[in-house]
Amino acid sequence: MTLTKKLMSGVAAASVVVTGALPAMAAEKWDMPMAYSASNFHSENGVEFAECVTKGTEGDIEITVHPGGALFAGADIKRAIQTGQVQIGERLMSGHQNENAVFGFDSVPFLAPSFEASAKLFEAAKPKMEELLEEQNLVMLYAVPWPPQGLYFNKEVNSVEDMAGLKFRSYNNATSRLAELTGMLPVTIEAAEISQAFATGVAESMISSGATGYDRKVWESLSHFYEVDAWLPYNYVMVNKDVWDGLSETNQGILSVCAGEAAERGLEASKAYTQFTMDGLREGGMTVQPAGDELMSGLREVGATMTTEWLEAAGEDGKAIVDAFKAME
């Protein structure tokens, strides 16, 4: 019997014991804001997680997913959960790097550029991340990496010098700094606004996964995607700690099981989506190819600068994460 079934049978058994002895308890209705489109694999995974929780708790907890920044914009989701405006939600982890540099561990250029390396880096950082989140009245339930990040442009680019002056979509501190170090102009744009930003010329380039570009049909405005495998940023689902502490042990267990399944399912989806979206960008008319040697050489110089800066900003915590990660290699 799986752990999920065991937990569900435990809930069922408990309900038999108390039937008729206590008044019926109203189901908890949770709202779960997510920043990305309903068709994005993170959002689809979130829906499956929500269904798992509702089924596993036999309706004690009903989670409604709100994708595409419909309930809260991506930048506002974490604060909404902290303050109890919603019970649960998902956000890009490195989106909080301005609060604490450690949140940007997954966006250090070329530190962990593969799924395998990314998983080790996440495990190295997880204890510190959980400690930071607990201080902010949050509990991390699960996290899923994006596919490796590549560069999108509206023209052919063969060197860092070719990037100068372009308006660059940024989504965290690392992307803003990348823009500055390559002579581009950073413009903060949420995922839900990408299509309009490129269509209207507000942005002309970005670093992101093939998944984001495919979901937003960026081939309608952009022409080139260069595979650089800069990093694999994580999205994570968090719950308000007061809400979590108020749950029964049984329901906490069910959420944990559903979260574990979501983490595994999301990772496999991210891996599968990598090639699928590369093919989709090509079919849309984009040129998709590995970055040339000159461009990669320039990017690695930029990456070295960003790594040094991140380690300085993250201090002993950052050093401990990197040391623990390298010890796994």
C-alpha atoms as a PDB file:
ATOM      1  CA  MET A   1       0.000   0.000   0.000  1.00  0.00           C
ATOM      2  CA  THR A   2       1.407   3.436  -0.936  1.00  0.00           C
ATOM      3  CA  LEU A   3       1.881   6.110   1.694  1.00  0.00           C
ATOM      4  CA  THR A   4      -0.843   8.159   0.029  1.00  0.00           C
ATOM      5  CA  LYS A   5      -3.308   5.285   0.351  1.00  0.00           C
ATOM      6  CA  LYS A   6      -2.283   4.657   3.939  1.00  0.00           C
ATOM      7  CA  LEU A   7      -2.867   8.294   4.830  1.00  0.00           C
ATOM      8  CA  MET A   8      -6.171   8.356   2.981  1.00  0.00           C
ATOM      9  CA  SER A   9      -7.306   5.159   4.729  1.00  0.00           C
ATOM     10  CA  GLY A  10      -6.329   6.726   8.030  1.00  0.00           C
ATOM     11  CA  VAL A  11      -8.494   9.732   7.294  1.00  0.00           C
ATOM     12  CA  ALA A  12     -11.376   7.451   6.329  1.00  0.00           C
ATOM     13  CA  ALA A  13     -11.021   5.397   9.515  1.00  0.00           C
ATOM     14  CA  ALA A  14     -10.955   8.493  11.663  1.00  0.00           C
ATOM     15  CA  SER A  15     -14.080   9.815  10.006  1.00  0.00           C
ATOM     16  CA  VAL A  16     -15.930   6.590  10.859  1.00  0.00           C
ATOM     17  CA  VAL A  17     -15.037   6.936  14.525  1.00  0.00           C
ATOM     18  CA  VAL A  18     -16.293  10.506  14.865  1.00  0.00           C
ATOM     19  CA  THR A  19     -19.338  10.235  12.590  1.00  0.00           C
ATOM     20  CA  GLY A  20     -22.370  11.307  14.557  1.00  0.00           C
ATOM     21  CA  ALA A  21     -20.303  12.354  17.548  1.00  0.00           C
ATOM     22  CA  LEU A  22     -19.298  15.791  16.257  1.00  0.00           C
ATOM     23  CA  PRO A  23     -20.890  18.381  13.979  1.00  0.00           C
ATOM     24  CA  ALA A  24     -19.618  18.326  10.386  1.00  0.00           C
ATOM     25  CA  MET A  25     -16.575  20.525   9.900  1.00  0.00           C
ATOM     26  CA  ALA A  26     -16.580  22.938   6.970  1.00  0.00           C
ATOM     27  CA  ALA A  27     -13.963  22.252   4.330  1.00  0.00           C
ATOM     28  CA  GLU A  28     -10.996  24.606   4.192  1.00  0.00           C
ATOM     29  CA  LYS A  29     -10.957  26.421   0.852  1.00  0.00           C
ATOM     30  CA  TRP A  30      -7.486  27.536  -0.180  1.00  0.00           C
ATOM     31  CA  ASP A  31      -6.511  29.816  -3.047  1.00  0.00           C
ATOM     32  CA  MET A  32      -3.224  29.056  -4.823  1.00  0.00           C
ATOM     33  CA  PRO A  33      -1.911  31.887  -7.046  1.00  0.00           C
ATOM     34  CA  MET A  34       0.668  30.991  -9.689  1.00  0.00           C
ATOM     35  CA  ALA A  35       2.495  33.388 -12.011  1.00  0.00           C
ATOM     36  CA  TYR A  36       2.661  31.349 -15.207  1.00  0.00           C
ATOM     37  CA  SER A  37       0.065  30.483 -17.845  1.00  0.00           C
ATOM     38  CA  ALA A  38      -2.377  27.623 -17.296  1.00  0.00           C
ATOM     39  CA  SER A  39      -0.661  25.624 -20.047  1.00  0.00           C
ATOM     40  CA  ASN A  40       2.796  25.910 -18.458  1.00  0.00           C
ATOM     41  CA  PHE A  41       4.035  22.660 -16.924  1.00  0.00           C
ATOM     42  CA  HIS A  42       4.501  24.290 -13.509  1.00  0.00           C
ATOM     43  CA  SER A  43       0.862  25.369 -13.490  1.00  0.00           C
ATOM     44  CA  GLU A  44      -0.376  21.999 -14.719  1.00  0.00           C
ATOM     45  CA  ASN A  45       1.686  20.358 -11.993  1.00  0.00           C
ATOM     46  CA  GLY A  46       0.160  22.705  -9.435  1.00  0.00           C
ATOM     47  CA  VAL A  47      -3.335  21.681 -10.515  1.00  0.00           C
ATOM     48  CA  GLU A  48      -2.456  17.994 -10.085  1.00  0.00           C
ATOM     49  CA  PHE A  49      -0.997  18.760  -6.656  1.00  0.00           C
ATOM     50  CA  ALA A  50      -4.193  20.570  -5.660  1.00  0.00           C
ATOM     51  CA  GLU A  51      -6.337  17.664  -6.845  1.00  0.00           C
ATOM     52  CA  CYS A  52      -4.130  15.249  -4.892  1.00  0.00           C
ATOM     53  CA  VAL A  53      -4.634  17.268  -1.705  1.00  0.00           C
ATOM     54  CA  THR A  54      -8.387  17.596  -2.154  1.00  0.00           C
ATOM     55  CA  LYS A  55      -8.731  13.861  -2.812  1.00  0.00           C
ATOM     56  CA  GLY A  56      -6.281  12.815  -0.112  1.00  0.00           C
ATOM     57  CA  THR A  57      -7.988  14.897   2.577  1.00  0.00           C
ATOM     58  CA  GLU A  58     -11.395  13.749   1.360  1.00  0.00           C
ATOM     59  CA  GLY A  59     -12.366  17.356   0.786  1.00  0.00           C
ATOM     60  CA  ASP A  60     -11.106  18.713   4.120  1.00  0.00           C
ATOM     61  CA  ILE A  61      -8.869  21.017   2.073  1.00  0.00           C
ATOM     62  CA  GLU A  62     -10.012  22.254  -1.320  1.00  0.00           C
ATOM     63  CA  ILE A  63      -7.363  24.123  -3.295  1.00  0.00           C
ATOM     64  CA  THR A  64      -8.276  26.376  -6.223  1.00  0.00           C
ATOM     65  CA  VAL A  65      -5.359  27.197  -8.524  1.00  0.00           C
ATOM     66  CA  HIS A  66      -5.204  30.690 -10.099  1.00  0.00           C
ATOM     67  CA  PRO A  67      -2.564  30.624 -12.901  1.00  0.00           C
ATOM     68  CA  GLY A  68      -1.254  33.426 -15.088  1.00  0.00           C
ATOM     69  CA  GLY A  69      -0.964  35.999 -12.297  1.00  0.00           C
ATOM     70  CA  ALA A  70      -4.765  36.210 -12.254  1.00  0.00           C
ATOM     71  CA  LEU A  71      -5.096  36.557  -8.474  1.00  0.00           C
ATOM     72  CA  PHE A  72      -1.750  38.176  -7.627  1.00  0.00           C
ATOM     73  CA  ALA A  73       1.128  39.243  -9.863  1.00  0.00           C
ATOM     74  CA  GLY A  74       4.181  37.027  -9.489  1.00  0.00           C
ATOM     75  CA  ALA A  75       6.091  39.588  -7.437  1.00  0.00           C
ATOM     76  CA  ASP A  76       3.221  39.840  -4.945  1.00  0.00           C
ATOM     77  CA  ILE A  77       2.530  36.141  -4.360  1.00  0.00           C
ATOM     78  CA  LYS A  78       5.032  35.472  -1.559  1.00  0.00           C
ATOM     79  CA  ARG A  79       3.900  38.493   0.431  1.00  0.00           C
ATOM     80  CA  ALA A  80       0.266  37.482  -0.011  1.00  0.00           C
ATOM     81  CA  ILE A  81       1.027  34.083   1.530  1.00  0.00           C
ATOM     82  CA  GLN A  82       3.102  35.536   4.374  1.00  0.00           C
ATOM     83  CA  THR A  83       0.329  37.911   5.374  1.00  0.00           C
ATOM     84  CA  GLY A  84      -2.450  35.345   5.091  1.00  0.00           C
ATOM     85  CA  GLN A  85      -4.228  36.870   2.094  1.00  0.00           C
ATOM     86  CA  VAL A  86      -3.954  33.396   0.564  1.00  0.00           C
ATOM     87  CA  GLN A  87      -2.918  30.126   2.156  1.00  0.00           C
ATOM     88  CA  ILE A  88      -0.585  28.752  -0.507  1.00  0.00           C
ATOM     89  CA  GLY A  89       1.096  29.738  -3.766  1.00  0.00           C
ATOM     90  CA  GLU A  90       4.047  29.410  -6.116  1.00  0.00           C
ATOM     91  CA  ARG A  91       6.848  31.825  -6.939  1.00  0.00           C
ATOM     92  CA  LEU A  92      10.230  31.890  -8.644  1.00  0.00           C
ATOM     93  CA  MET A  93      12.708  31.396  -5.803  1.00  0.00           C
ATOM     94  CA  SER A  94      15.326  33.819  -7.110  1.00  0.00           C
ATOM     95  CA  GLY A  95      12.632  36.491  -7.345  1.00  0.00           C
ATOM     96  CA  HIS A  96      13.350  37.146  -3.659  1.00  0.00           C
ATOM     97  CA  GLN A  97      17.083  37.683  -3.988  1.00  0.00           C
ATOM     98  CA  ASN A  98      16.683  41.344  -3.059  1.00  0.00           C
ATOM     99  CA  GLU A  99      15.503  40.173   0.394  1.00  0.00           C
ATOM    100  CA  ASN A 100      18.442  37.849   0.928  1.00  0.00           C
ATOM    101  CA  ALA A 101      21.155  36.918  -1.581  1.00  0.00           C
ATOM    102  CA  VAL A 102      20.826  33.253  -0.627  1.00  0.00           C
ATOM    103  CA  PHE A 103      17.492  33.107  -2.513  1.00  0.00           C
ATOM    104  CA  GLY A 104      19.550  33.490  -5.692  1.00  0.00           C
ATOM    105  CA  PHE A 105      21.652  30.359  -5.200  1.00  0.00           C
ATOM    106  CA  ASP A 106      20.061  28.755  -8.262  1.00  0.00           C
ATOM    107  CA  SER A 107      20.888  31.680 -10.565  1.00  0.00           C
ATOM    108  CA  VAL A 108      24.659  31.782 -10.192  1.00  0.00           C
ATOM    109  CA  PRO A 109      25.828  31.538 -13.828  1.00  0.00           C
ATOM    110  CA  PHE A 110      27.286  28.190 -14.892  1.00  0.00           C
ATOM    111  CA  LEU A 111      27.554  26.865 -11.318  1.00  0.00           C
ATOM    112  CA  ALA A 112      25.018  24.070 -11.881  1.00  0.00           C
ATOM    113  CA  PRO A 113      24.064  24.070 -15.585  1.00  0.00           C
ATOM    114  CA  SER A 114      22.454  20.599 -15.787  1.00  0.00           C
ATOM    115  CA  PHE A 115      19.494  18.853 -14.170  1.00  0.00           C
ATOM    116  CA  GLU A 116      21.809  16.554 -12.218  1.00  0.00           C
ATOM    117  CA  ALA A 117      24.007  19.382 -10.932  1.00  0.00           C
ATOM    118  CA  SER A 118      20.976  21.547 -10.217  1.00  0.00           C
ATOM    119  CA  ALA A 119      19.433  18.833  -8.030  1.00  0.00           C
ATOM    120  CA  LYS A 120      22.632  18.623  -5.956  1.00  0.00           C
ATOM    121  CA  LEU A 121      22.799  22.396  -5.592  1.00  0.00           C
ATOM    122  CA  PHE A 122      19.187  22.503  -4.429  1.00  0.00           C
ATOM    123  CA  GLU A 123      19.848  19.824  -1.787  1.00  0.00           C
ATOM    124  CA  ALA A 124      22.869  21.799  -0.587  1.00  0.00           C
ATOM    125  CA  ALA A 125      20.787  24.956  -0.268  1.00  0.00           C
ATOM    126  CA  LYS A 126      17.556  23.425   1.045  1.00  0.00           C
ATOM    127  CA  PRO A 127      18.319  23.532   4.817  1.00  0.00           C
ATOM    128  CA  LYS A 128      19.192  27.221   4.691  1.00  0.00           C
ATOM    129  CA  MET A 129      16.209  27.992   2.470  1.00  0.00           C
ATOM    130  CA  GLU A 130      13.843  26.262   4.886  1.00  0.00           C
ATOM    131  CA  GLU A 131      15.374  28.201   7.781  1.00  0.00           C
ATOM    132  CA  LEU A 132      14.929  31.531   5.984  1.00  0.00           C
ATOM    133  CA  LEU A 133      11.350  30.750   5.012  1.00  0.00           C
ATOM    134  CA  GLU A 134      10.403  29.691   8.530  1.00  0.00           C
ATOM    135  CA  GLU A 135      11.595  33.080   9.767  1.00  0.00           C
ATOM    136  CA  GLN A 136       9.169  34.600   7.243  1.00  0.00           C
ATOM    137  CA  ASN A 137       6.195  32.512   8.400  1.00  0.00           C
ATOM    138  CA  LEU A 138       6.419  30.172   5.395  1.00  0.00           C
ATOM    139  CA  VAL A 139       6.846  26.442   4.814  1.00  0.00           C
ATOM    140  CA  MET A 140       8.252  25.166   1.515  1.00  0.00           C
ATOM    141  CA  LEU A 141       6.267  22.194   0.216  1.00  0.00           C
ATOM    142  CA  TYR A 142       8.062  21.405  -3.036  1.00  0.00           C
ATOM    143  CA  ALA A 143      10.261  22.943  -5.721  1.00  0.00           C
ATOM    144  CA  VAL A 144      10.700  22.206  -9.429  1.00  0.00           C
ATOM    145  CA  PRO A 145      13.485  23.445 -11.737  1.00  0.00           C
ATOM    146  CA  TRP A 146      12.948  25.147 -15.055  1.00  0.00           C
ATOM    147  CA  PRO A 147      14.826  23.784 -18.076  1.00  0.00           C
ATOM    148  CA  PRO A 148      18.295  25.314 -18.652  1.00  0.00           C
ATOM    149  CA  GLN A 149      18.215  29.031 -19.404  1.00  0.00           C
ATOM    150  CA  GLY A 150      19.108  30.306 -22.874  1.00  0.00           C
ATOM    151  CA  LEU A 151      19.242  33.696 -24.565  1.00  0.00           C
ATOM    152  CA  TYR A 152      16.519  35.107 -26.820  1.00  0.00           C
ATOM    153  CA  PHE A 153      17.117  37.939 -29.280  1.00  0.00           C
ATOM    154  CA  ASN A 154      15.433  39.721 -32.157  1.00  0.00           C
ATOM    155  CA  LYS A 155      18.624  39.466 -34.228  1.00  0.00           C
ATOM    156  CA  GLU A 156      21.705  37.292 -34.713  1.00  0.00           C
ATOM    157  CA  VAL A 157      24.178  37.647 -31.831  1.00  0.00           C
ATOM    158  CA  ASN A 158      27.731  36.317 -31.989  1.00  0.00           C
ATOM    159  CA  SER A 159      29.407  38.114 -29.098  1.00  0.00           C
ATOM    160  CA  VAL A 160      28.649  39.992 -25.890  1.00  0.00           C
ATOM    161  CA  GLU A 161      29.381  43.215 -27.778  1.00  0.00           C
ATOM    162  CA  ASP A 162      26.441  42.454 -30.088  1.00  0.00           C
ATOM    163  CA  MET A 163      24.122  42.598 -27.056  1.00  0.00           C
ATOM    164  CA  ALA A 164      24.913  46.210 -26.157  1.00  0.00           C
ATOM    165  CA  GLY A 165      21.962  48.563 -26.080  1.00  0.00           C
ATOM    166  CA  LEU A 166      19.223  45.918 -26.311  1.00  0.00           C
ATOM    167  CA  LYS A 167      16.234  46.200 -23.974  1.00  0.00           C
ATOM    168  CA  PHE A 168      16.444  43.079 -21.838  1.00  0.00           C
ATOM    169  CA  ARG A 169      13.608  41.488 -19.866  1.00  0.00           C
ATOM    170  CA  SER A 170      14.764  40.917 -16.283  1.00  0.00           C
ATOM    171  CA  TYR A 171      12.960  38.856 -13.659  1.00  0.00           C
ATOM    172  CA  ASN A 172      15.405  38.807 -10.738  1.00  0.00           C
ATOM    173  CA  ASN A 173      18.647  40.380  -9.505  1.00  0.00           C
ATOM    174  CA  ALA A 174      20.786  38.004 -11.553  1.00  0.00           C
ATOM    175  CA  THR A 175      19.116  38.864 -14.849  1.00  0.00           C
ATOM    176  CA  SER A 176      19.313  42.584 -14.115  1.00  0.00           C
ATOM    177  CA  ARG A 177      23.013  42.272 -13.366  1.00  0.00           C
ATOM    178  CA  LEU A 178      23.570  40.178 -16.503  1.00  0.00           C
ATOM    179  CA  ALA A 179      22.028  42.980 -18.530  1.00  0.00           C
ATOM    180  CA  GLU A 180      24.226  45.607 -16.902  1.00  0.00           C
ATOM    181  CA  LEU A 181      27.439  43.637 -17.419  1.00  0.00           C
ATOM    182  CA  THR A 182      26.688  43.029 -21.106  1.00  0.00           C
ATOM    183  CA  GLY A 183      25.653  46.604 -21.871  1.00  0.00           C
ATOM    184  CA  MET A 184      21.948  45.841 -22.194  1.00  0.00           C
ATOM    185  CA  LEU A 185      19.102  47.794 -20.605  1.00  0.00           C
ATOM    186  CA  PRO A 186      17.177  45.784 -17.959  1.00  0.00           C
ATOM    187  CA  VAL A 187      13.379  46.084 -17.954  1.00  0.00           C
ATOM    188  CA  THR A 188      11.420  44.245 -15.241  1.00  0.00           C
ATOM    189  CA  ILE A 189       8.645  42.218 -16.887  1.00  0.00           C
ATOM    190  CA  GLU A 190       6.514  39.484 -15.311  1.00  0.00           C
ATOM    191  CA  ALA A 191       6.001  36.237 -17.226  1.00  0.00           C
ATOM    192  CA  ALA A 192       2.357  37.042 -17.940  1.00  0.00           C
ATOM    193  CA  GLU A 193       3.431  40.270 -19.697  1.00  0.00           C
ATOM    194  CA  ILE A 194       6.151  38.806 -21.944  1.00  0.00           C
ATOM    195  CA  SER A 195       4.179  38.519 -25.188  1.00  0.00           C
ATOM    196  CA  GLN A 196       2.948  42.100 -25.060  1.00  0.00           C
ATOM    197  CA  ALA A 197       6.367  43.432 -24.038  1.00  0.00           C
ATOM    198  CA  PHE A 198       8.079  41.917 -27.069  1.00  0.00           C
ATOM    199  CA  ALA A 199       5.239  42.770 -29.437  1.00  0.00           C
ATOM    200  CA  THR A 200       5.379  46.438 -28.441  1.00  0.00           C
ATOM    201  CA  GLY A 201       9.173  46.724 -28.298  1.00  0.00           C
ATOM    202  CA  VAL A 202       9.310  47.274 -24.550  1.00  0.00           C
ATOM    203  CA  ALA A 203      11.793  44.383 -24.543  1.00  0.00           C
ATOM    204  CA  GLU A 204      13.964  42.912 -27.307  1.00  0.00           C
ATOM    205  CA  SER A 205      15.743  40.068 -25.554  1.00  0.00           C
ATOM    206  CA  MET A 206      15.691  37.867 -22.473  1.00  0.00           C
ATOM    207  CA  ILE A 207      17.289  34.893 -20.779  1.00  0.00           C
ATOM    208  CA  SER A 208      14.797  32.167 -20.055  1.00  0.00           C
ATOM    209  CA  SER A 209      14.008  28.543 -20.744  1.00  0.00           C
ATOM    210  CA  GLY A 210      12.590  27.220 -23.964  1.00  0.00           C
ATOM    211  CA  ALA A 211       9.430  26.570 -21.960  1.00  0.00           C
ATOM    212  CA  THR A 212       8.726  30.249 -21.316  1.00  0.00           C
ATOM    213  CA  GLY A 213       9.393  31.219 -24.921  1.00  0.00           C
ATOM    214  CA  TYR A 214       7.217  28.430 -26.248  1.00  0.00           C
ATOM    215  CA  ASP A 215       4.337  29.192 -23.871  1.00  0.00           C
ATOM    216  CA  ARG A 216       4.376  32.886 -24.820  1.00  0.00           C
ATOM    217  CA  LYS A 217       4.877  32.270 -28.576  1.00  0.00           C
ATOM    218  CA  VAL A 218       7.822  34.640 -28.664  1.00  0.00           C
ATOM    219  CA  TRP A 219       8.630  33.659 -32.268  1.00  0.00           C
ATOM    220  CA  GLU A 220       5.999  36.225 -33.200  1.00  0.00           C
ATOM    221  CA  SER A 221       8.509  38.925 -32.159  1.00  0.00           C
ATOM    222  CA  LEU A 222      11.928  37.303 -31.706  1.00  0.00           C
ATOM    223  CA  SER A 223      14.166  35.469 -34.151  1.00  0.00           C
ATOM    224  CA  HIS A 224      16.991  33.684 -32.301  1.00  0.00           C
ATOM    225  CA  PHE A 225      17.393  31.381 -29.301  1.00  0.00           C
ATOM    226  CA  TYR A 226      20.905  30.487 -28.165  1.00  0.00           C
ATOM    227  CA  GLU A 227      21.451  27.497 -25.884  1.00  0.00           C
ATOM    228  CA  VAL A 228      23.855  28.607 -23.163  1.00  0.00           C
ATOM    229  CA  ASP A 229      22.643  26.520 -20.160  1.00  0.00           C
ATOM    230  CA  ALA A 230      23.355  29.384 -17.805  1.00  0.00           C
ATOM    231  CA  TRP A 231      21.372  28.056 -14.827  1.00  0.00           C
ATOM    232  CA  LEU A 232      18.189  26.190 -13.872  1.00  0.00           C
ATOM    233  CA  PRO A 233      16.072  28.423 -11.635  1.00  0.00           C
ATOM    234  CA  TYR A 234      13.506  26.877  -9.305  1.00  0.00           C
ATOM    235  CA  ASN A 235       9.841  27.596  -8.775  1.00  0.00           C
ATOM    236  CA  TYR A 236       8.653  26.611  -5.328  1.00  0.00           C
ATOM    237  CA  VAL A 237       5.291  26.145  -3.659  1.00  0.00           C
ATOM    238  CA  MET A 238       4.985  27.516  -0.151  1.00  0.00           C
ATOM    239  CA  VAL A 239       2.249  27.576   2.469  1.00  0.00           C
ATOM    240  CA  ASN A 240       1.586  30.039   5.280  1.00  0.00           C
ATOM    241  CA  LYS A 241       3.198  28.562   8.415  1.00  0.00           C
ATOM    242  CA  ASP A 242       0.306  29.488  10.698  1.00  0.00           C
ATOM    243  CA  VAL A 243      -2.054  27.678   8.327  1.00  0.00           C
ATOM    244  CA  TRP A 244       0.311  24.701   8.200  1.00  0.00           C
ATOM    245  CA  ASP A 245       0.624  24.533  11.982  1.00  0.00           C
ATOM    246  CA  GLY A 246      -3.168  24.558  12.250  1.00  0.00           C
ATOM    247  CA  LEU A 247      -3.544  21.374  10.197  1.00  0.00           C
ATOM    248  CA  SER A 248      -3.931  17.920  11.688  1.00  0.00           C
ATOM    249  CA  GLU A 249      -0.917  15.625  11.467  1.00  0.00           C
ATOM    250  CA  THR A 250      -2.854  13.488   9.023  1.00  0.00           C
ATOM    251  CA  ASN A 251      -3.521  16.371   6.663  1.00  0.00           C
ATOM    252  CA  GLN A 252       0.057  17.609   6.992  1.00  0.00           C
ATOM    253  CA  GLY A 253       1.155  14.137   5.988  1.00  0.00           C
ATOM    254  CA  ILE A 254      -1.142  14.107   2.982  1.00  0.00           C
ATOM    255  CA  LEU A 255       0.140  17.486   1.809  1.00  0.00           C
ATOM    256  CA  SER A 256       3.716  16.256   2.203  1.00  0.00           C
ATOM    257  CA  VAL A 257       3.015  13.139   0.154  1.00  0.00           C
ATOM    258  CA  CYS A 258       1.288  15.154  -2.585  1.00  0.00           C
ATOM    259  CA  ALA A 259       4.195  17.625  -2.532  1.00  0.00           C
ATOM    260  CA  GLY A 260       6.758  14.850  -2.934  1.00  0.00           C
ATOM    261  CA  GLU A 261       4.853  13.453  -5.897  1.00  0.00           C
ATOM    262  CA  ALA A 262       4.605  16.947  -7.416  1.00  0.00           C
ATOM    263  CA  ALA A 263       8.369  17.471  -7.090  1.00  0.00           C
ATOM    264  CA  GLU A 264       9.101  14.203  -8.910  1.00  0.00           C
ATOM    265  CA  ARG A 265       6.415  14.780 -11.544  1.00  0.00           C
ATOM    266  CA  GLY A 266       7.534  18.361 -12.133  1.00  0.00           C
ATOM    267  CA  LEU A 267      11.175  17.365 -12.596  1.00  0.00           C
ATOM    268  CA  GLU A 268      10.294  14.768 -15.211  1.00  0.00           C
ATOM    269  CA  ALA A 269       8.015  17.272 -16.966  1.00  0.00           C
ATOM    270  CA  SER A 270      10.803  19.853 -17.016  1.00  0.00           C
ATOM    271  CA  LYS A 271      13.208  17.365 -18.574  1.00  0.00           C
ATOM    272  CA  ALA A 272      10.678  16.254 -21.182  1.00  0.00           C
ATOM    273  CA  TYR A 273       9.642  19.828 -21.926  1.00  0.00           C
ATOM    274  CA  THR A 274      13.216  20.877 -22.704  1.00  0.00           C
ATOM    275  CA  GLN A 275      13.474  19.186 -26.109  1.00  0.00           C
ATOM    276  CA  PHE A 276       9.776  19.607 -26.862  1.00  0.00           C
ATOM    277  CA  THR A 277       9.985  23.379 -26.519  1.00  0.00           C
ATOM    278  CA  MET A 278      13.238  23.610 -28.494  1.00  0.00           C
ATOM    279  CA  ASP A 279      11.442  21.854 -31.338  1.00  0.00           C
ATOM    280  CA  GLY A 280       8.444  24.138 -30.854  1.00  0.00           C
ATOM    281  CA  LEU A 281      10.564  27.289 -31.157  1.00  0.00           C
ATOM    282  CA  ARG A 282      12.036  25.971 -34.395  1.00  0.00           C
ATOM    283  CA  GLU A 283       8.605  25.134 -35.747  1.00  0.00           C
ATOM    284  CA  GLY A 284       7.565  28.685 -34.908  1.00  0.00           C
ATOM    285  CA  GLY A 285      10.320  29.961 -37.196  1.00  0.00           C
ATOM    286  CA  MET A 286      13.112  30.778 -34.747  1.00  0.00           C
ATOM    287  CA  THR A 287      16.766  29.927 -35.240  1.00  0.00           C
ATOM    288  CA  VAL A 288      17.667  27.629 -32.337  1.00  0.00           C
ATOM    289  CA  GLN A 289      21.320  26.717 -31.824  1.00  0.00           C
ATOM    290  CA  PRO A 290      24.134  26.512 -29.265  1.00  0.00           C
ATOM    291  CA  ALA A 291      25.892  29.811 -28.612  1.00  0.00           C
ATOM    292  CA  GLY A 292      29.152  30.228 -30.528  1.00  0.00           C
ATOM    293  CA  ASP A 293      32.560  30.100 -28.859  1.00  0.00           C
ATOM    294  CA  GLU A 294      33.045  33.882 -28.847  1.00  0.00           C
ATOM    295  CA  LEU A 295      29.654  34.511 -27.234  1.00  0.00           C
ATOM    296  CA  MET A 296      30.165  31.755 -24.648  1.00  0.00           C
ATOM    297  CA  SER A 297      33.615  33.057 -23.782  1.00  0.00           C
ATOM    298  CA  GLY A 298      32.215  36.513 -23.092  1.00  0.00           C
ATOM    299  CA  LEU A 299      29.302  35.114 -21.100  1.00  0.00           C
ATOM    300  CA  ARG A 300      31.602  33.027 -18.931  1.00  0.00           C
ATOM    301  CA  GLU A 301      33.611  36.153 -18.082  1.00  0.00           C
ATOM    302  CA  VAL A 302      30.380  37.854 -17.078  1.00  0.00           C
ATOM    303  CA  GLY A 303      29.404  34.742 -15.125  1.00  0.00           C
ATOM    304  CA  ALA A 304      32.678  34.769 -13.202  1.00  0.00           C
ATOM    305  CA  THR A 305      32.045  38.363 -12.133  1.00  0.00           C
ATOM    306  CA  MET A 306      28.477  37.542 -11.075  1.00  0.00           C
ATOM    307  CA  THR A 307      29.643  34.497  -9.103  1.00  0.00           C
ATOM    308  CA  THR A 308      32.150  36.578  -7.169  1.00  0.00           C
ATOM    309  CA  GLU A 309      29.520  39.213  -6.444  1.00  0.00           C
ATOM    310  CA  TRP A 310      26.962  36.640  -5.289  1.00  0.00           C
ATOM    311  CA  LEU A 311      29.413  34.965  -2.935  1.00  0.00           C
ATOM    312  CA  GLU A 312      30.259  38.340  -1.421  1.00  0.00           C
ATOM    313  CA  ALA A 313      26.577  39.219  -0.979  1.00  0.00           C
ATOM    314  CA  ALA A 314      25.563  35.795   0.386  1.00  0.00           C
ATOM    315  CA  GLY A 315      28.485  35.681   2.825  1.00  0.00           C
ATOM    316  CA  GLU A 316      29.101  32.594   4.931  1.00  0.00           C
ATOM    317  CA  ASP A 317      25.724  31.103   4.021  1.00  0.00           C
ATOM    318  CA  GLY A 318      26.518  31.289   0.326  1.00  0.00           C
ATOM    319  CA  LYS A 319      29.977  29.827   0.813  1.00  0.00           C
ATOM    320  CA  ALA A 320      28.529  26.969   2.862  1.00  0.00           C
ATOM    321  CA  ILE A 321      26.030  26.170   0.102  1.00  0.00           C
ATOM    322  CA  VAL A 322      28.678  26.157  -2.625  1.00  0.00           C
ATOM    323  CA  ASP A 323      31.080  24.097  -0.491  1.00  0.00           C
ATOM    324  CA  ALA A 324      28.360  21.539   0.274  1.00  0.00           C
ATOM    325  CA  PHE A 325      27.441  21.394  -3.410  1.00  0.00           C
ATOM    326  CA  LYS A 326      31.006  20.878  -4.565  1.00  0.00           C
ATOM    327  CA  ALA A 327      31.464  18.137  -1.961  1.00  0.00           C
ATOM    328  CA  MET A 328      28.698  16.179  -3.742  1.00  0.00           C
ATOM    329  CA  GLU A 329      30.440  16.270  -7.110  1.00  0.00           C
END
